[in-house]
Amino acid sequence: RLNADNARFLLLAVLIVLYMLCGAAVFSAIELPTEREAKERWEERLENFTRRHNLSRAELRHFLRAYEEASVAGIRVDDIRPRWDFTGAFYFVGTVVSTIGFGMTTPATVGGKIFLIFYGLIGCAGTILFFNLFLERLITVIAYVMKSCHERQLRRKGVLPHNSRRGSGTSEVDSLAGWKPSVYYVMLILCVASLIISCCASAMYTPIEGWSYFDSLYFCFVAFSTIGFGDLVSSQNIRYESQGLYRFGNFVFILMGVCCIYSLFNVISIVIKQSINWILKKLACKCCRRCQRRLFRSRRNVVMPGNVRSRRNISIETDVVNESDTDGRRLSGEMISMKDFLASNKVSLAIMQKQLSETANGYPRQMSSNSKQNGFSGGVGALAIMNNRLAETSVDR
């Protein structure tokens, strides 16, 4: 079990690294040219501005750095609402405990940073617990609905009686015993629910925030998945139409979206785990087949007991559970021990004892005409058994 877990962990780590490398290559190919063009345009604009107003480039850069510091503190060119009033602070703690962390508001004082460490430690843990409990209840509701649909299908097919009450009929118990909803159906339902919530939230953000519908969908995924880049942040203007209703709707959509996406991530992780187990099983089967072929080649001329299992029944699980020390020695190509030889040749020993007894009593075994014609002589003990076996083989041929 430990080896399987380690193999699963290593394979998952390798796949994640490869996934990150592929993602880095794609984003670099898409975004790097745009970044270079923007930098060239900015350098050209900066040069024209310093030349037009007769300013030194060093003074202008010093002024821009001061503006960057003010921007970090929440100061913008356009008028926006205060970041640290009660409403803004409540929005900030919501991004903290939900692990979204947009980054548009950050504590600037030492006391605020220290308080954030302890506040986030307890708040994030409690929110993750809430998400897990929400996932359990959501899965329970989905399983109940899917089970009801499954019961209706069985009644339509005639497997269950139409007038039977829930849990009263034995046929219903037998038909639904051990039934569980497929993880793929649950994943599909969560995908649809997340998509519906994102589309509805985007329809609200587009006219109120002035974003495009695609930017609104992008914000929904970044916020609901708790990635929280902070390039687009909702509810940051001073005034909105129906401001109280909009902020309440924003809170509800973010809460529902985070819960659904978190649940979806957990279900997708189960599917990924099943895929990793399937990959490991395929790799193990190939490795076992290769090892079996090598061992078969190395054991062609080795005396082996007669009760060795067939190659097609060997797997990693059965090898770990059922193989003994002597089995391991046999699989390594070594000679068998005397104990194994005696245990696997009980019938031969019985025949040998019978022949010795008949010879000692004066009743030697009669040789068949076929054996005489083929030139195999009689004998006593193991030589006689071998000669008789060779005679039978020659007759069959």
Protein backbone atom coordinates (compact mmCIF):
# COMPACT_ATOMS: atom_id res chain seq x y z
CA ARG A 1 0.00 0.00 0.00
CA LEU A 2 2.84 2.37 0.87
CA ASN A 3 4.63 1.65 -2.38
CA ALA A 4 1.42 2.29 -4.37
CA ASP A 5 0.87 5.60 -2.58
CA ASN A 6 4.45 6.65 -3.23
CA ALA A 7 4.15 5.73 -6.89
CA ARG A 8 0.88 7.67 -7.15
CA PHE A 9 2.46 10.69 -5.44
CA LEU A 10 5.53 10.67 -7.70
CA LEU A 11 3.46 10.26 -10.85
CA LEU A 12 1.16 13.11 -9.82
CA ALA A 13 4.16 15.34 -9.06
CA VAL A 14 5.67 14.59 -12.48
CA LEU A 15 2.36 15.27 -14.24
CA ILE A 16 1.91 18.56 -12.38
CA VAL A 17 5.43 19.69 -13.30
CA LEU A 18 4.84 18.76 -16.94
CA TYR A 19 1.48 20.54 -16.84
CA MET A 20 3.15 23.66 -15.46
CA LEU A 21 5.89 23.55 -18.08
CA CYS A 22 3.35 23.25 -20.88
CA GLY A 23 1.27 26.09 -19.42
CA ALA A 24 4.35 28.30 -19.07
CA ALA A 25 5.29 27.64 -22.69
CA VAL A 26 1.79 28.48 -23.94
CA PHE A 27 1.40 31.67 -21.87
CA SER A 28 4.90 32.82 -22.77
CA ALA A 29 4.18 32.33 -26.48
CA ILE A 30 0.85 34.21 -26.22
CA GLU A 31 1.65 37.05 -23.79
CA LEU A 32 5.33 37.84 -24.35
CA PRO A 33 4.92 39.58 -27.75
CA THR A 34 2.13 41.77 -26.32
CA GLU A 35 4.30 42.67 -23.33
CA ARG A 36 7.19 43.70 -25.58
CA GLU A 37 4.92 45.85 -27.74
CA ALA A 38 3.45 47.55 -24.66
CA LYS A 39 6.93 48.23 -23.30
CA GLU A 40 8.04 49.78 -26.60
CA ARG A 41 4.95 52.01 -26.69
CA TRP A 42 5.55 53.10 -23.09
CA GLU A 43 9.19 53.94 -23.73
CA GLU A 44 8.20 55.96 -26.79
CA ARG A 45 5.49 57.85 -24.87
CA LEU A 46 7.88 58.50 -21.98
CA GLU A 47 10.50 59.89 -24.35
CA ASN A 48 8.01 62.19 -26.07
CA PHE A 49 6.69 63.44 -22.72
CA THR A 50 10.14 64.31 -21.34
CA ARG A 51 11.09 66.04 -24.59
CA ARG A 52 7.84 68.03 -24.79
CA HIS A 53 7.92 69.29 -21.18
CA ASN A 54 11.70 69.56 -20.94
CA LEU A 55 11.97 67.14 -18.02
CA SER A 56 14.80 64.84 -17.15
CA ARG A 57 14.07 61.17 -17.36
CA ALA A 58 15.35 60.53 -13.84
CA GLU A 59 12.95 63.07 -12.28
CA LEU A 60 10.01 61.63 -14.19
CA ARG A 61 10.84 58.07 -13.12
CA HIS A 62 11.10 59.23 -9.49
CA PHE A 63 7.61 60.76 -9.76
CA LEU A 64 6.19 57.57 -11.28
CA ARG A 65 7.68 55.48 -8.46
CA ALA A 66 5.93 57.76 -5.95
CA TYR A 67 2.67 57.18 -7.77
CA GLU A 68 3.22 53.42 -7.64
CA GLU A 69 3.59 53.63 -3.87
CA ALA A 70 0.37 55.63 -3.66
CA SER A 71 -1.36 53.08 -5.87
CA VAL A 72 -0.37 50.31 -3.49
CA ALA A 73 -1.92 52.30 -0.65
CA GLY A 74 -5.20 52.51 -2.59
CA ILE A 75 -4.82 55.90 -4.30
CA ARG A 76 -5.95 56.01 -7.91
CA VAL A 77 -6.26 58.70 -10.56
CA ASP A 78 -10.00 58.11 -10.87
CA ASP A 79 -12.30 58.59 -7.91
CA ILE A 80 -12.98 55.32 -6.08
CA ARG A 81 -14.50 54.58 -2.73
CA PRO A 82 -12.21 54.46 0.34
CA ARG A 83 -10.54 51.10 0.71
CA TRP A 84 -10.66 50.94 4.50
CA ASP A 85 -14.12 52.10 5.42
CA PHE A 86 -16.29 49.42 7.01
CA THR A 87 -17.72 48.26 3.69
CA GLY A 88 -14.29 48.09 2.07
CA ALA A 89 -12.82 46.33 5.11
CA PHE A 90 -15.63 43.77 5.07
CA TYR A 91 -14.95 43.13 1.38
CA PHE A 92 -11.25 42.72 2.22
CA VAL A 93 -11.79 40.17 5.01
CA GLY A 94 -14.10 38.27 2.66
CA THR A 95 -11.26 37.94 0.15
CA VAL A 96 -8.94 36.86 2.98
CA VAL A 97 -11.00 34.08 4.56
CA SER A 98 -12.08 32.77 1.13
CA THR A 99 -8.37 32.72 0.07
CA ILE A 100 -9.21 34.83 -3.02
CA GLY A 101 -6.82 37.64 -2.12
CA PHE A 102 -7.33 40.11 -4.99
CA GLY A 103 -4.44 42.26 -3.79
CA MET A 104 -6.06 45.63 -4.51
CA THR A 105 -6.26 46.20 -0.74
CA THR A 106 -3.42 45.20 1.57
CA PRO A 107 -2.57 46.29 5.13
CA ALA A 108 0.14 48.94 5.23
CA THR A 109 0.77 49.11 8.99
CA VAL A 110 2.74 46.64 11.08
CA GLY A 111 -0.20 46.09 13.39
CA GLY A 112 -2.48 45.33 10.46
CA LYS A 113 -0.02 42.82 9.01
CA ILE A 114 0.42 41.04 12.36
CA PHE A 115 -3.34 40.90 12.91
CA LEU A 116 -3.81 39.56 9.37
CA ILE A 117 -1.53 36.58 10.08
CA PHE A 118 -3.59 35.35 13.05
CA TYR A 119 -6.93 36.42 11.57
CA GLY A 120 -6.25 34.62 8.28
CA LEU A 121 -4.98 31.49 10.05
CA ILE A 122 -8.28 30.92 11.83
CA GLY A 123 -10.51 32.39 9.13
CA CYS A 124 -9.09 30.36 6.24
CA ALA A 125 -9.27 27.13 8.26
CA GLY A 126 -12.89 27.78 9.22
CA THR A 127 -13.86 28.66 5.64
CA ILE A 128 -12.23 25.53 4.25
CA LEU A 129 -14.18 23.51 6.82
CA PHE A 130 -17.36 25.27 5.66
CA PHE A 131 -16.56 24.42 2.03
CA ASN A 132 -16.03 20.76 2.94
CA LEU A 133 -19.34 20.59 4.81
CA PHE A 134 -21.05 22.33 1.92
CA LEU A 135 -19.58 19.76 -0.46
CA GLU A 136 -20.88 16.87 1.67
CA ARG A 137 -24.41 18.25 1.71
CA LEU A 138 -24.30 19.11 -1.98
CA ILE A 139 -23.19 15.58 -2.85
CA THR A 140 -25.97 14.22 -0.61
CA VAL A 141 -28.60 16.27 -2.42
CA ILE A 142 -27.24 15.31 -5.84
CA ALA A 143 -27.12 11.63 -4.86
CA TYR A 144 -30.71 11.79 -3.57
CA VAL A 145 -31.97 13.37 -6.80
CA MET A 146 -30.04 10.91 -8.98
CA LYS A 147 -31.27 7.97 -6.91
CA SER A 148 -34.86 9.16 -7.35
CA CYS A 149 -34.32 9.36 -11.11
CA HIS A 150 -32.78 5.88 -11.03
CA GLU A 151 -35.82 4.53 -9.18
CA ARG A 152 -38.16 6.02 -11.77
CA GLN A 153 -36.18 4.37 -14.56
CA LEU A 154 -36.39 1.00 -12.81
CA ARG A 155 -40.16 1.41 -12.36
CA ARG A 156 -40.55 2.24 -16.04
CA LYS A 157 -38.61 -0.90 -16.95
CA GLY A 158 -40.79 -2.98 -14.61
CA VAL A 159 -38.00 -3.92 -12.22
CA LEU A 160 -39.69 -2.10 -9.32
CA PRO A 161 -43.45 -2.14 -8.62
CA HIS A 162 -45.17 1.17 -9.34
CA ASN A 163 -47.25 1.22 -6.14
CA SER A 164 -44.52 0.17 -3.69
CA ARG A 165 -43.49 2.58 -0.98
CA ARG A 166 -39.88 3.54 -0.53
CA GLY A 167 -37.96 0.81 1.25
CA SER A 168 -40.96 -1.53 1.60
CA GLY A 169 -40.39 -3.95 -1.29
CA THR A 170 -37.63 -6.51 -1.38
CA SER A 171 -37.21 -6.02 -5.11
CA GLU A 172 -36.49 -2.34 -4.52
CA VAL A 173 -33.90 -3.16 -1.90
CA ASP A 174 -32.23 -5.70 -4.18
CA SER A 175 -32.24 -3.36 -7.18
CA LEU A 176 -30.88 -0.34 -5.29
CA ALA A 177 -28.53 -2.14 -2.91
CA GLY A 178 -25.07 -0.64 -3.14
CA TRP A 179 -26.11 1.86 -5.80
CA LYS A 180 -24.05 5.05 -5.88
CA PRO A 181 -24.10 7.97 -8.32
CA SER A 182 -21.28 8.08 -10.83
CA VAL A 183 -18.59 10.63 -10.12
CA TYR A 184 -18.78 11.71 -13.76
CA TYR A 185 -22.46 12.61 -13.42
CA VAL A 186 -21.70 14.58 -10.27
CA MET A 187 -18.87 16.39 -12.07
CA LEU A 188 -21.19 17.20 -14.98
CA ILE A 189 -23.88 18.58 -12.66
CA LEU A 190 -21.34 20.76 -10.82
CA CYS A 191 -19.95 22.01 -14.14
CA VAL A 192 -23.42 23.03 -15.30
CA ALA A 193 -24.20 24.70 -11.96
CA SER A 194 -20.91 26.64 -11.99
CA LEU A 195 -21.50 27.71 -15.58
CA ILE A 196 -25.02 28.93 -14.83
CA ILE A 197 -23.83 30.95 -11.82
CA SER A 198 -20.95 32.45 -13.83
CA CYS A 199 -23.22 33.42 -16.71
CA CYS A 200 -25.77 35.04 -14.39
CA ALA A 201 -23.05 36.92 -12.49
CA SER A 202 -21.46 38.09 -15.75
CA ALA A 203 -24.82 39.41 -16.91
CA MET A 204 -24.86 41.52 -13.73
CA TYR A 205 -21.22 42.70 -13.89
CA THR A 206 -21.23 43.69 -17.59
CA PRO A 207 -23.63 46.67 -17.41
CA ILE A 208 -22.79 47.78 -13.86
CA GLU A 209 -18.97 47.57 -13.95
CA GLY A 210 -18.68 48.44 -17.64
CA TRP A 211 -16.74 45.31 -18.52
CA SER A 212 -17.20 43.19 -21.60
CA TYR A 213 -19.08 39.94 -21.14
CA PHE A 214 -15.91 37.91 -21.72
CA ASP A 215 -14.02 39.98 -19.11
CA SER A 216 -16.90 39.36 -16.71
CA LEU A 217 -16.66 35.60 -17.28
CA TYR A 218 -12.91 35.84 -16.78
CA PHE A 219 -13.41 37.69 -13.50
CA CYS A 220 -15.94 35.08 -12.35
CA PHE A 221 -13.51 32.21 -12.87
CA VAL A 222 -10.59 34.05 -11.26
CA ALA A 223 -12.73 35.01 -8.26
CA PHE A 224 -14.71 31.77 -7.86
CA SER A 225 -11.59 29.60 -8.15
CA THR A 226 -9.90 31.79 -5.45
CA ILE A 227 -7.02 32.59 -7.80
CA GLY A 228 -7.67 36.33 -7.38
CA PHE A 229 -5.24 38.13 -9.70
CA GLY A 230 -6.70 41.53 -8.86
CA ASP A 231 -6.62 42.97 -12.39
CA LEU A 232 -10.43 43.09 -12.34
CA VAL A 233 -12.19 43.66 -9.02
CA SER A 234 -15.89 44.23 -8.55
CA SER A 235 -17.60 46.83 -6.34
CA GLN A 236 -14.76 49.39 -6.34
CA ASN A 237 -16.49 52.53 -7.63
CA ILE A 238 -17.90 55.18 -5.33
CA ARG A 239 -21.45 55.10 -6.63
CA TYR A 240 -23.56 52.45 -8.27
CA GLU A 241 -27.15 52.32 -9.33
CA SER A 242 -28.98 50.33 -6.64
CA GLN A 243 -25.71 50.16 -4.72
CA GLY A 244 -27.01 48.14 -1.76
CA LEU A 245 -28.71 45.57 -3.97
CA TYR A 246 -25.65 45.26 -6.20
CA ARG A 247 -23.26 44.65 -3.31
CA PHE A 248 -25.61 42.05 -1.85
CA GLY A 249 -25.86 40.32 -5.24
CA ASN A 250 -22.07 40.48 -5.61
CA PHE A 251 -21.63 38.82 -2.20
CA VAL A 252 -24.17 36.07 -2.98
CA PHE A 253 -22.71 35.29 -6.40
CA ILE A 254 -19.15 35.11 -5.08
CA LEU A 255 -20.21 32.87 -2.18
CA MET A 256 -22.20 30.49 -4.40
CA GLY A 257 -19.54 30.50 -7.10
CA VAL A 258 -16.70 29.74 -4.70
CA CYS A 259 -18.67 26.87 -3.11
CA CYS A 260 -19.54 25.31 -6.49
CA ILE A 261 -16.05 25.69 -7.98
CA TYR A 262 -14.46 24.32 -4.79
CA SER A 263 -16.76 21.30 -4.94
CA LEU A 264 -16.01 20.87 -8.63
CA PHE A 265 -12.28 20.94 -7.93
CA ASN A 266 -12.68 18.18 -5.35
CA VAL A 267 -14.64 15.99 -7.76
CA ILE A 268 -12.13 16.61 -10.57
CA SER A 269 -9.34 15.60 -8.19
CA ILE A 270 -11.12 12.24 -7.72
CA VAL A 271 -11.23 11.76 -11.49
CA ILE A 272 -7.53 12.65 -11.73
CA LYS A 273 -6.76 10.12 -9.01
CA GLN A 274 -8.66 7.43 -10.90
CA SER A 275 -6.76 8.31 -14.07
CA ILE A 276 -3.43 8.04 -12.22
CA ASN A 277 -4.43 4.65 -10.82
CA TRP A 278 -5.33 3.52 -14.34
CA ILE A 279 -1.95 4.68 -15.67
CA LEU A 280 -0.10 2.94 -12.85
CA LYS A 281 -2.07 -0.25 -13.48
CA LYS A 282 -1.19 -0.20 -17.17
CA LEU A 283 2.48 0.45 -16.42
CA ALA A 284 2.48 -2.33 -13.82
CA CYS A 285 0.92 -4.79 -16.29
CA LYS A 286 3.57 -4.00 -18.90
CA CYS A 287 6.38 -4.32 -16.37
CA CYS A 288 4.95 -7.62 -15.09
CA ARG A 289 4.73 -9.01 -18.60
CA ARG A 290 8.32 -8.07 -19.33
CA CYS A 291 9.49 -9.62 -16.07
CA GLN A 292 7.46 -12.74 -16.76
CA ARG A 293 9.04 -13.11 -20.18
CA ARG A 294 12.53 -12.73 -18.75
CA LEU A 295 11.83 -15.17 -15.97
CA PHE A 296 10.26 -17.65 -18.38
CA ARG A 297 13.37 -17.54 -20.55
CA SER A 298 15.66 -17.99 -17.56
CA ARG A 299 13.59 -20.93 -16.19
CA ARG A 300 13.35 -22.99 -19.36
CA ASN A 301 16.03 -25.47 -18.24
CA VAL A 302 15.32 -25.35 -14.51
CA VAL A 303 13.48 -28.10 -12.67
CA MET A 304 10.26 -26.56 -11.39
CA PRO A 305 7.42 -27.97 -9.29
CA GLY A 306 4.19 -28.80 -11.01
CA ASN A 307 1.89 -26.44 -9.11
CA VAL A 308 3.35 -23.18 -10.33
CA ARG A 309 0.60 -20.76 -11.30
CA SER A 310 0.04 -19.81 -14.88
CA ARG A 311 1.59 -16.57 -16.12
CA ARG A 312 -1.67 -14.91 -16.96
CA ASN A 313 -2.83 -15.12 -13.33
CA ILE A 314 0.16 -13.22 -11.98
CA SER A 315 -0.23 -9.61 -11.01
CA ILE A 316 1.31 -7.20 -8.56
CA GLU A 317 -1.44 -7.69 -5.98
CA THR A 318 -1.37 -11.49 -6.12
CA ASP A 319 2.41 -11.54 -6.02
CA VAL A 320 2.48 -9.41 -2.90
CA VAL A 321 -0.24 -11.34 -1.10
CA ASN A 322 0.24 -14.97 -2.15
CA GLU A 323 3.91 -15.42 -2.97
CA SER A 324 6.00 -17.16 -0.32
CA ASP A 325 9.76 -17.12 0.12
CA THR A 326 10.15 -20.22 -1.98
CA ASP A 327 7.97 -18.68 -4.68
CA GLY A 328 10.23 -15.67 -4.73
CA ARG A 329 13.22 -17.99 -5.05
CA ARG A 330 11.56 -19.80 -7.93
CA LEU A 331 10.72 -16.53 -9.69
CA SER A 332 14.35 -15.48 -9.38
CA GLY A 333 15.41 -18.56 -11.37
CA GLU A 334 17.05 -20.53 -8.53
CA MET A 335 16.82 -24.28 -8.07
CA ILE A 336 13.99 -25.53 -5.88
CA SER A 337 14.60 -26.85 -2.40
CA MET A 338 14.14 -30.50 -1.37
CA LYS A 339 10.97 -29.57 0.51
CA ASP A 340 9.41 -28.07 -2.61
CA PHE A 341 10.57 -31.04 -4.70
CA LEU A 342 8.97 -33.56 -2.34
CA ALA A 343 5.77 -31.54 -2.04
CA SER A 344 5.36 -31.29 -5.81
CA ASN A 345 6.18 -34.93 -6.57
CA LYS A 346 3.98 -36.81 -4.10
CA VAL A 347 2.35 -38.80 -6.88
CA SER A 348 5.70 -39.81 -8.35
CA LEU A 349 6.93 -40.92 -4.93
CA ALA A 350 3.79 -43.00 -4.40
CA ILE A 351 4.30 -44.78 -7.73
CA MET A 352 7.96 -45.32 -6.89
CA GLN A 353 7.04 -46.91 -3.54
CA LYS A 354 4.48 -49.15 -5.24
CA GLN A 355 7.04 -50.35 -7.77
CA LEU A 356 9.63 -51.03 -5.09
CA SER A 357 7.05 -52.98 -3.09
CA GLU A 358 6.04 -55.11 -6.12
CA THR A 359 9.67 -55.82 -6.94
CA ALA A 360 10.47 -56.83 -3.39
CA ASN A 361 7.46 -59.20 -3.30
CA GLY A 362 8.39 -60.81 -6.58
CA TYR A 363 5.67 -59.26 -8.73
CA PRO A 364 7.50 -57.13 -11.20
CA ARG A 365 5.48 -54.78 -13.37
CA GLN A 366 4.67 -56.15 -16.82
CA MET A 367 6.04 -54.13 -19.66
CA SER A 368 3.59 -53.19 -22.34
CA SER A 369 4.13 -54.31 -25.87
CA ASN A 370 4.41 -50.74 -27.04
CA SER A 371 7.27 -50.02 -24.66
CA LYS A 372 9.11 -53.17 -25.73
CA GLN A 373 8.66 -52.34 -29.35
CA ASN A 374 10.03 -48.88 -28.77
CA GLY A 375 13.08 -50.23 -26.96
CA PHE A 376 12.38 -48.88 -23.49
CA SER A 377 13.41 -51.33 -20.82
CA GLY A 378 11.77 -51.83 -17.45
CA GLY A 379 13.30 -50.88 -14.17
CA VAL A 380 12.71 -49.94 -10.62
CA GLY A 381 12.06 -46.56 -9.02
CA ALA A 382 12.64 -43.23 -10.69
CA LEU A 383 14.33 -44.71 -13.76
CA ALA A 384 11.29 -46.91 -14.40
CA ILE A 385 8.96 -43.92 -14.06
CA MET A 386 11.06 -41.93 -16.51
CA ASN A 387 11.23 -44.82 -18.99
CA ASN A 388 7.47 -45.39 -18.83
CA ARG A 389 6.83 -41.68 -19.33
CA LEU A 390 9.12 -41.59 -22.35
CA ALA A 391 7.37 -44.67 -23.71
CA GLU A 392 3.98 -43.04 -23.41
CA THR A 393 5.30 -39.93 -25.10
CA SER A 394 6.76 -41.90 -27.96
CA VAL A 395 3.47 -43.79 -28.40
CA ASP A 396 1.48 -40.55 -28.48
CA ARG A 397 3.77 -39.21 -31.14
